[in-house]
Amino acid sequence: MIIRKFRNNFHSLQDIRIFCYVFLIVSILPMMMKFLSIPRLMKALTPKNKAKNRNHYITGKQKKIVTFTDFILNQNIWIYSSTCLKRSLILYHFLRKAGINVTLCFGVKYDGRLNHEAIKKLEGHAWLLYKGNIILERNLEITKTYTVTYCFPMERAGYPQENSTTQS
């Protein structure tokens, strides 16, 4: 079943190239996250050359990138495990490379439950914004409950630059 689903997503040589490139980025991302600060990581993942054909919407190619990213990360094997941070960083890189000026946001919230020591647990989340709207999220309403702590690049986030801790 997995192999059939996998094969059904490849319709051209370009699809295989996209998959290999996503697989490469997913594979090196944990090492980059370990050794680079967030600003340096974001600079490394932000493409230097803007796409010539500026797409302002998600095309078939970008949908493939999302599909392949989710497929690889949902394997939950070794470094190929799904976290919102990995997924958001990878999608940020590829969408920016395609000319879609997304912004990566990080936020926190208390989970509302008390653990065995009667302390609320702080949770973090990462997501993408495009033109001030949350995109490519599985649960939009839950994402809106997080308080934004950092966005990159800040000037495109739609949040006030002088106060980066506003509620999304």
Protein backbone atom coordinates (compact mmCIF):
# COMPACT_ATOMS: atom_id res chain seq x y z
CA MET A 1 0.00 0.00 0.00
CA ILE A 2 2.76 2.49 0.92
CA ILE A 3 4.73 1.62 -2.21
CA ARG A 4 1.64 2.08 -4.43
CA LYS A 5 0.88 5.44 -2.81
CA PHE A 6 4.54 6.40 -3.22
CA ARG A 7 4.59 5.45 -6.92
CA ASN A 8 1.33 7.27 -7.63
CA ASN A 9 3.02 10.58 -6.76
CA PHE A 10 5.69 10.29 -9.47
CA HIS A 11 4.50 11.35 -12.90
CA SER A 12 7.71 12.80 -14.34
CA LEU A 13 11.43 13.08 -13.92
CA GLN A 14 10.86 16.46 -12.27
CA ASP A 15 8.82 14.73 -9.52
CA ILE A 16 11.77 12.41 -8.81
CA ARG A 17 14.14 15.39 -8.70
CA ILE A 18 11.83 17.25 -6.31
CA PHE A 19 11.57 14.19 -4.05
CA CYS A 20 15.37 13.74 -3.98
CA TYR A 21 15.91 17.42 -3.16
CA VAL A 22 13.31 17.33 -0.37
CA PHE A 23 14.89 14.13 0.96
CA LEU A 24 18.33 15.79 0.94
CA ILE A 25 17.12 18.86 2.85
CA VAL A 26 15.21 16.70 5.35
CA SER A 27 18.39 14.65 5.86
CA ILE A 28 20.74 17.57 6.53
CA LEU A 29 18.29 19.74 8.47
CA PRO A 30 18.82 18.04 11.90
CA MET A 31 22.57 18.73 11.68
CA MET A 32 21.93 22.33 10.68
CA MET A 33 19.49 22.75 13.57
CA LYS A 34 22.04 21.36 16.00
CA PHE A 35 24.91 23.64 15.02
CA LEU A 36 23.29 26.88 13.84
CA SER A 37 21.41 29.53 15.78
CA ILE A 38 17.89 30.28 14.53
CA PRO A 39 18.95 33.49 12.70
CA ARG A 40 21.86 31.69 10.99
CA LEU A 41 19.65 28.71 10.16
CA MET A 42 17.03 31.00 8.63
CA LYS A 43 19.70 32.80 6.59
CA ALA A 44 21.01 29.44 5.33
CA LEU A 45 17.51 28.26 4.39
CA THR A 46 16.52 31.51 2.67
CA PRO A 47 17.40 31.22 -1.02
CA LYS A 48 19.71 33.93 -2.24
CA ASN A 49 18.31 34.00 -5.78
CA LYS A 50 14.69 34.94 -6.12
CA ALA A 51 12.64 32.87 -8.53
CA LYS A 52 12.26 34.51 -11.94
CA ASN A 53 8.63 33.54 -12.29
CA ARG A 54 7.11 34.85 -9.09
CA ASN A 55 4.22 32.55 -8.21
CA HIS A 56 1.84 34.06 -5.71
CA TYR A 57 -0.13 30.88 -5.17
CA ILE A 58 0.62 27.25 -4.47
CA THR A 59 1.16 25.43 -7.78
CA GLY A 60 1.28 21.73 -8.57
CA LYS A 61 5.04 21.73 -7.95
CA GLN A 62 4.63 23.24 -4.49
CA LYS A 63 1.84 20.76 -3.71
CA LYS A 64 4.29 17.97 -4.58
CA ILE A 65 6.83 19.51 -2.20
CA VAL A 66 4.25 19.50 0.61
CA THR A 67 3.23 15.91 -0.22
CA PHE A 68 6.83 14.66 -0.36
CA THR A 69 7.81 16.53 2.81
CA ASP A 70 4.88 15.05 4.72
CA PHE A 71 5.57 11.57 3.31
CA ILE A 72 9.23 11.61 4.38
CA LEU A 73 8.62 13.13 7.82
CA ASN A 74 5.66 10.86 8.60
CA GLN A 75 7.88 7.77 8.36
CA ASN A 76 8.94 8.48 11.97
CA ILE A 77 12.22 6.67 11.50
CA TRP A 78 15.43 8.11 12.95
CA ILE A 79 15.80 11.71 11.66
CA TYR A 80 12.74 11.35 9.46
CA SER A 81 10.20 12.16 12.13
CA SER A 82 7.55 14.79 11.84
CA THR A 83 7.75 17.93 13.91
CA CYS A 84 6.16 21.27 13.11
CA LEU A 85 9.60 22.88 13.18
CA LYS A 86 11.15 20.56 10.59
CA ARG A 87 8.09 20.71 8.38
CA SER A 88 7.88 24.51 8.55
CA LEU A 89 11.60 24.99 7.89
CA ILE A 90 11.54 22.71 4.85
CA LEU A 91 8.39 24.25 3.40
CA TYR A 92 9.76 27.74 4.10
CA HIS A 93 12.90 26.92 2.09
CA PHE A 94 11.11 25.45 -0.91
CA LEU A 95 8.30 28.00 -1.09
CA ARG A 96 10.76 30.90 -0.86
CA LYS A 97 12.85 29.22 -3.55
CA ALA A 98 9.73 29.12 -5.75
CA GLY A 99 9.21 32.86 -5.25
CA ILE A 100 6.42 32.65 -2.68
CA ASN A 101 7.41 35.09 0.08
CA VAL A 102 6.28 33.14 3.11
CA THR A 103 7.23 34.01 6.66
CA LEU A 104 8.16 31.42 9.30
CA CYS A 105 6.65 32.07 12.73
CA PHE A 106 7.41 30.54 16.11
CA GLY A 107 5.01 30.68 19.02
CA VAL A 108 4.39 29.32 22.50
CA LYS A 109 1.46 28.56 24.80
CA TYR A 110 0.77 26.72 28.01
CA ASP A 111 -0.86 23.37 27.38
CA GLY A 112 -3.41 24.04 30.12
CA ARG A 113 -2.81 20.72 31.85
CA LEU A 114 -0.81 20.23 34.97
CA ASN A 115 1.86 17.56 34.95
CA HIS A 116 2.60 15.29 37.92
CA GLU A 117 4.50 18.15 39.60
CA ALA A 118 1.55 20.56 39.24
CA ILE A 119 3.41 22.76 36.73
CA LYS A 120 1.92 23.91 33.45
CA LYS A 121 3.90 22.76 30.46
CA LEU A 122 5.04 25.32 27.87
CA GLU A 123 4.52 24.15 24.28
CA GLY A 124 6.04 25.55 21.11
CA HIS A 125 4.86 25.53 17.53
CA ALA A 126 6.14 26.70 14.13
CA TRP A 127 4.03 27.63 11.11
CA LEU A 128 4.07 29.59 7.87
CA LEU A 129 2.35 32.85 6.99
CA TYR A 130 1.62 34.17 3.54
CA LYS A 131 0.28 37.72 3.26
CA GLY A 132 -0.56 37.61 6.97
CA ASN A 133 -2.54 34.34 6.73
CA ILE A 134 -1.54 30.99 8.18
CA ILE A 135 -0.98 28.47 5.37
CA LEU A 136 -0.43 24.72 5.00
CA GLU A 137 -1.42 23.98 8.60
CA ARG A 138 -3.29 20.85 9.55
CA ASN A 139 -5.26 22.56 12.33
CA LEU A 140 -5.64 26.28 11.81
CA GLU A 141 -7.64 26.94 15.00
CA ILE A 142 -5.01 25.34 17.27
CA THR A 143 -2.25 27.31 15.57
CA LYS A 144 -4.11 30.54 16.32
CA THR A 145 -3.91 29.79 20.07
CA TYR A 146 -0.11 30.25 20.13
CA THR A 147 1.51 33.57 21.04
CA VAL A 148 4.02 34.64 18.39
CA THR A 149 7.55 34.97 19.76
CA TYR A 150 9.62 35.28 16.56
CA CYS A 151 9.01 35.58 12.82
CA PHE A 152 11.45 35.50 9.94
CA PRO A 153 11.60 37.71 7.99
CA MET A 154 9.89 40.06 10.40
CA GLU A 155 8.94 42.79 7.95
CA ARG A 156 6.66 40.40 6.00
CA ALA A 157 5.00 38.78 9.00
CA GLY A 158 2.18 41.26 9.40
CA TYR A 159 2.99 41.66 13.10
CA PRO A 160 4.26 44.90 14.63
CA GLN A 161 8.07 44.99 14.43
CA GLU A 162 8.57 46.74 17.74
CA ASN A 163 6.67 44.05 19.67
CA SER A 164 7.21 40.49 18.42
CA THR A 165 5.11 38.90 21.17
CA THR A 166 1.65 39.75 19.90
CA GLN A 167 -1.13 37.20 19.80
CA SER A 168 -1.70 35.59 16.38
